Amino acid sequence: MCNKDFIVKSEDPTSKNNIDANLAAVTGITSAGIGWSQFQEITACMDVPVFTEKTYGKIQDLVYEKWEETAIESTEKAAKRERDAAIAEGRISKEGIPIIDVYADGCWSSRSYGNNYRALSGAALLPRMCSGREEASFGTRTRLLQKLYGFI
């Protein structure tokens, strides 16, 4: 109409608070328990182009790394809280090791999609009981669980 090309920015390109759309997409895909093929089908229905499967794999590796870092950090904090609570309550072994009760439960779906019955989603929960309140110490649903619990 005005015969001019220009770029419209909705975010400050120098800000560190910007969310990478590809990273957000892969995080959502992984959280939903689907993969690149299903993502491609969904976006094709909306006529939205997507990145390649190779790019998806690289971004998914980054997502897994960040999730693993977060899970380890969260688990270490929860373990320290449990250790401190056990010491405060006098639950210590003869060897001086704090005694911590752990209740665990988990599941993994067996749908295949041609992947030898290794679905992308599952769940694990390690709740704790302390001072009469229940709190979940760790829970997620990704292939990370397979790695953490030795399934792969």
C-alpha atoms as a PDB file:
ATOM      1  CA  MET A   1       0.000   0.000   0.000  1.00  0.00           C
ATOM      2  CA  CYS A   2       2.733   2.501   0.954  1.00  0.00           C
ATOM      3  CA  ASN A   3       5.427   0.588  -0.964  1.00  0.00           C
ATOM      4  CA  LYS A   4       7.747   0.422   2.044  1.00  0.00           C
ATOM      5  CA  ASP A   5       9.222  -2.576   3.824  1.00  0.00           C
ATOM      6  CA  PHE A   6       9.813  -2.327   7.548  1.00  0.00           C
ATOM      7  CA  ILE A   7      10.213  -4.505  10.621  1.00  0.00           C
ATOM      8  CA  VAL A   8       7.766  -4.322  13.495  1.00  0.00           C
ATOM      9  CA  LYS A   9       9.155  -5.575  16.821  1.00  0.00           C
ATOM     10  CA  SER A  10       6.817  -6.527  19.630  1.00  0.00           C
ATOM     11  CA  GLU A  11       9.673  -7.132  22.081  1.00  0.00           C
ATOM     12  CA  ASP A  12      12.962  -5.486  22.896  1.00  0.00           C
ATOM     13  CA  PRO A  13      15.477  -7.618  20.968  1.00  0.00           C
ATOM     14  CA  THR A  14      18.206  -6.895  23.548  1.00  0.00           C
ATOM     15  CA  SER A  15      16.141  -8.053  26.539  1.00  0.00           C
ATOM     16  CA  LYS A  16      17.195 -11.271  28.291  1.00  0.00           C
ATOM     17  CA  ASN A  17      13.553 -11.845  29.299  1.00  0.00           C
ATOM     18  CA  ASN A  18      12.413 -12.675  25.771  1.00  0.00           C
ATOM     19  CA  ILE A  19      11.096 -16.187  25.232  1.00  0.00           C
ATOM     20  CA  ASP A  20      12.483 -18.105  22.276  1.00  0.00           C
ATOM     21  CA  ALA A  21       9.429 -19.365  20.371  1.00  0.00           C
ATOM     22  CA  ASN A  22      11.161 -22.548  19.204  1.00  0.00           C
ATOM     23  CA  LEU A  23      12.319 -23.377  22.736  1.00  0.00           C
ATOM     24  CA  ALA A  24       8.824 -22.723  24.078  1.00  0.00           C
ATOM     25  CA  ALA A  25       7.308 -24.916  21.348  1.00  0.00           C
ATOM     26  CA  VAL A  26       9.637 -27.847  22.062  1.00  0.00           C
ATOM     27  CA  THR A  27       9.061 -27.501  25.809  1.00  0.00           C
ATOM     28  CA  GLY A  28       5.298 -27.665  25.224  1.00  0.00           C
ATOM     29  CA  ILE A  29       5.613 -30.576  22.801  1.00  0.00           C
ATOM     30  CA  THR A  30       7.696 -32.551  25.284  1.00  0.00           C
ATOM     31  CA  SER A  31       5.424 -31.679  28.220  1.00  0.00           C
ATOM     32  CA  ALA A  32       2.410 -32.875  26.252  1.00  0.00           C
ATOM     33  CA  GLY A  33       4.143 -36.181  25.540  1.00  0.00           C
ATOM     34  CA  ILE A  34       4.064 -35.820  21.774  1.00  0.00           C
ATOM     35  CA  GLY A  35       6.948 -35.633  19.344  1.00  0.00           C
ATOM     36  CA  TRP A  36       8.047 -33.720  16.291  1.00  0.00           C
ATOM     37  CA  SER A  37       5.764 -35.649  13.883  1.00  0.00           C
ATOM     38  CA  GLN A  38       2.628 -34.835  15.861  1.00  0.00           C
ATOM     39  CA  PHE A  39       3.776 -31.209  16.215  1.00  0.00           C
ATOM     40  CA  GLN A  40       4.304 -31.023  12.448  1.00  0.00           C
ATOM     41  CA  GLU A  41       0.793 -32.396  11.832  1.00  0.00           C
ATOM     42  CA  ILE A  42      -0.793 -29.867  14.213  1.00  0.00           C
ATOM     43  CA  THR A  43       1.044 -26.886  12.722  1.00  0.00           C
ATOM     44  CA  ALA A  44       0.363 -28.087   9.161  1.00  0.00           C
ATOM     45  CA  CYS A  45      -3.359 -27.919   9.907  1.00  0.00           C
ATOM     46  CA  MET A  46      -2.852 -24.273  10.860  1.00  0.00           C
ATOM     47  CA  ASP A  47      -0.613 -23.647   7.816  1.00  0.00           C
ATOM     48  CA  VAL A  48       2.283 -22.693  10.109  1.00  0.00           C
ATOM     49  CA  PRO A  49       5.776 -23.699   8.985  1.00  0.00           C
ATOM     50  CA  VAL A  50       7.988 -25.436  11.548  1.00  0.00           C
ATOM     51  CA  PHE A  51      11.667 -26.124  12.041  1.00  0.00           C
ATOM     52  CA  THR A  52      13.288 -29.357  10.880  1.00  0.00           C
ATOM     53  CA  GLU A  53      13.365 -32.570  12.889  1.00  0.00           C
ATOM     54  CA  LYS A  54      17.132 -32.108  13.317  1.00  0.00           C
ATOM     55  CA  THR A  55      16.596 -28.646  14.827  1.00  0.00           C
ATOM     56  CA  TYR A  56      13.844 -30.093  17.024  1.00  0.00           C
ATOM     57  CA  GLY A  57      16.286 -32.724  18.312  1.00  0.00           C
ATOM     58  CA  LYS A  58      18.906 -30.102  19.199  1.00  0.00           C
ATOM     59  CA  ILE A  59      16.371 -27.951  21.042  1.00  0.00           C
ATOM     60  CA  GLN A  60      14.875 -30.991  22.785  1.00  0.00           C
ATOM     61  CA  ASP A  61      18.338 -31.937  24.064  1.00  0.00           C
ATOM     62  CA  LEU A  62      18.636 -28.429  25.539  1.00  0.00           C
ATOM     63  CA  VAL A  63      15.180 -28.752  27.140  1.00  0.00           C
ATOM     64  CA  TYR A  64      16.160 -32.113  28.671  1.00  0.00           C
ATOM     65  CA  GLU A  65      19.401 -30.637  30.011  1.00  0.00           C
ATOM     66  CA  LYS A  66      17.544 -27.733  31.661  1.00  0.00           C
ATOM     67  CA  TRP A  67      14.866 -30.054  33.073  1.00  0.00           C
ATOM     68  CA  GLU A  68      17.538 -32.366  34.447  1.00  0.00           C
ATOM     69  CA  GLU A  69      19.376 -29.429  36.061  1.00  0.00           C
ATOM     70  CA  THR A  70      16.121 -28.223  37.608  1.00  0.00           C
ATOM     71  CA  ALA A  71      15.140 -31.713  38.789  1.00  0.00           C
ATOM     72  CA  ILE A  72      18.534 -32.295  40.381  1.00  0.00           C
ATOM     73  CA  GLU A  73      18.506 -28.876  42.060  1.00  0.00           C
ATOM     74  CA  SER A  74      14.970 -29.419  43.363  1.00  0.00           C
ATOM     75  CA  THR A  75      15.769 -32.929  44.553  1.00  0.00           C
ATOM     76  CA  GLU A  76      18.924 -31.759  46.345  1.00  0.00           C
ATOM     77  CA  LYS A  77      16.963 -29.001  48.134  1.00  0.00           C
ATOM     78  CA  ALA A  78      14.252 -31.479  49.142  1.00  0.00           C
ATOM     79  CA  ALA A  79      16.873 -33.973  50.371  1.00  0.00           C
ATOM     80  CA  LYS A  80      18.512 -31.268  52.500  1.00  0.00           C
ATOM     81  CA  ARG A  81      15.125 -30.306  53.997  1.00  0.00           C
ATOM     82  CA  GLU A  82      14.451 -33.970  54.745  1.00  0.00           C
ATOM     83  CA  ARG A  83      17.900 -34.415  56.285  1.00  0.00           C
ATOM     84  CA  ASP A  84      17.446 -31.335  58.483  1.00  0.00           C
ATOM     85  CA  ALA A  85      13.951 -32.478  59.539  1.00  0.00           C
ATOM     86  CA  ALA A  86      15.241 -35.971  60.417  1.00  0.00           C
ATOM     87  CA  ILE A  87      18.073 -34.503  62.499  1.00  0.00           C
ATOM     88  CA  ALA A  88      15.687 -32.084  64.264  1.00  0.00           C
ATOM     89  CA  GLU A  89      13.357 -34.999  65.086  1.00  0.00           C
ATOM     90  CA  GLY A  90      16.218 -37.210  66.305  1.00  0.00           C
ATOM     91  CA  ARG A  91      15.773 -39.797  63.539  1.00  0.00           C
ATOM     92  CA  ILE A  92      19.459 -40.737  63.215  1.00  0.00           C
ATOM     93  CA  SER A  93      21.039 -44.176  62.783  1.00  0.00           C
ATOM     94  CA  LYS A  94      23.772 -45.569  65.047  1.00  0.00           C
ATOM     95  CA  GLU A  95      26.261 -44.471  62.391  1.00  0.00           C
ATOM     96  CA  GLY A  96      24.986 -40.865  62.579  1.00  0.00           C
ATOM     97  CA  ILE A  97      23.103 -40.997  59.262  1.00  0.00           C
ATOM     98  CA  PRO A  98      19.704 -39.227  59.197  1.00  0.00           C
ATOM     99  CA  ILE A  99      16.823 -41.658  58.570  1.00  0.00           C
ATOM    100  CA  ILE A 100      14.437 -40.412  55.888  1.00  0.00           C
ATOM    101  CA  ASP A 101      11.199 -42.149  54.885  1.00  0.00           C
ATOM    102  CA  VAL A 102      10.582 -42.109  51.141  1.00  0.00           C
ATOM    103  CA  TYR A 103       7.397 -43.263  49.424  1.00  0.00           C
ATOM    104  CA  ALA A 104       7.654 -43.547  45.652  1.00  0.00           C
ATOM    105  CA  ASP A 105       5.212 -44.265  42.864  1.00  0.00           C
ATOM    106  CA  GLY A 106       5.544 -44.049  39.124  1.00  0.00           C
ATOM    107  CA  CYS A 107       4.051 -45.050  35.814  1.00  0.00           C
ATOM    108  CA  TRP A 108       4.956 -45.186  32.160  1.00  0.00           C
ATOM    109  CA  SER A 109       2.616 -45.631  29.249  1.00  0.00           C
ATOM    110  CA  SER A 110       3.282 -48.410  26.779  1.00  0.00           C
ATOM    111  CA  ARG A 111       1.948 -46.824  23.623  1.00  0.00           C
ATOM    112  CA  SER A 112       4.472 -47.323  20.894  1.00  0.00           C
ATOM    113  CA  TYR A 113       4.131 -45.111  17.822  1.00  0.00           C
ATOM    114  CA  GLY A 114       6.843 -47.354  16.386  1.00  0.00           C
ATOM    115  CA  ASN A 115       9.360 -46.661  19.165  1.00  0.00           C
ATOM    116  CA  ASN A 116       9.572 -50.105  20.790  1.00  0.00           C
ATOM    117  CA  TYR A 117       7.032 -49.173  23.435  1.00  0.00           C
ATOM    118  CA  ARG A 118       9.034 -46.216  24.743  1.00  0.00           C
ATOM    119  CA  ALA A 119       6.501 -43.410  24.933  1.00  0.00           C
ATOM    120  CA  LEU A 120       7.599 -39.848  25.602  1.00  0.00           C
ATOM    121  CA  SER A 121       5.513 -39.468  28.757  1.00  0.00           C
ATOM    122  CA  GLY A 122       5.428 -40.923  32.222  1.00  0.00           C
ATOM    123  CA  ALA A 123       5.246 -39.770  35.824  1.00  0.00           C
ATOM    124  CA  ALA A 124       7.009 -40.250  39.135  1.00  0.00           C
ATOM    125  CA  LEU A 125       6.238 -38.831  42.543  1.00  0.00           C
ATOM    126  CA  LEU A 126       8.282 -38.891  45.707  1.00  0.00           C
ATOM    127  CA  PRO A 127       6.057 -37.322  48.372  1.00  0.00           C
ATOM    128  CA  ARG A 128       7.169 -36.747  51.920  1.00  0.00           C
ATOM    129  CA  MET A 129       5.444 -36.569  55.279  1.00  0.00           C
ATOM    130  CA  CYS A 130       6.880 -34.164  57.794  1.00  0.00           C
ATOM    131  CA  SER A 131       5.181 -32.504  60.743  1.00  0.00           C
ATOM    132  CA  GLY A 132       1.800 -33.717  59.531  1.00  0.00           C
ATOM    133  CA  ARG A 133       1.945 -32.021  56.113  1.00  0.00           C
ATOM    134  CA  GLU A 134       2.412 -33.741  52.793  1.00  0.00           C
ATOM    135  CA  GLU A 135       4.572 -32.228  50.087  1.00  0.00           C
ATOM    136  CA  ALA A 136       5.722 -33.500  46.696  1.00  0.00           C
ATOM    137  CA  SER A 137       9.511 -33.447  46.530  1.00  0.00           C
ATOM    138  CA  PHE A 138       9.905 -34.363  42.862  1.00  0.00           C
ATOM    139  CA  GLY A 139       7.664 -35.018  39.904  1.00  0.00           C
ATOM    140  CA  THR A 140       7.897 -34.718  36.155  1.00  0.00           C
ATOM    141  CA  ARG A 141       6.986 -36.590  33.006  1.00  0.00           C
ATOM    142  CA  THR A 142       9.653 -36.985  30.383  1.00  0.00           C
ATOM    143  CA  ARG A 143      12.295 -39.340  29.102  1.00  0.00           C
ATOM    144  CA  LEU A 144      14.384 -37.762  31.879  1.00  0.00           C
ATOM    145  CA  LEU A 145      12.638 -40.161  34.265  1.00  0.00           C
ATOM    146  CA  GLN A 146      13.744 -43.070  32.138  1.00  0.00           C
ATOM    147  CA  LYS A 147      17.309 -41.822  32.412  1.00  0.00           C
ATOM    148  CA  LEU A 148      17.113 -41.094  36.157  1.00  0.00           C
ATOM    149  CA  TYR A 149      15.549 -44.437  37.001  1.00  0.00           C
ATOM    150  CA  GLY A 150      17.601 -46.532  34.590  1.00  0.00           C
ATOM    151  CA  PHE A 151      14.892 -47.394  32.051  1.00  0.00           C
ATOM    152  CA  ILE A 152      17.124 -46.369  29.125  1.00  0.00           C
END
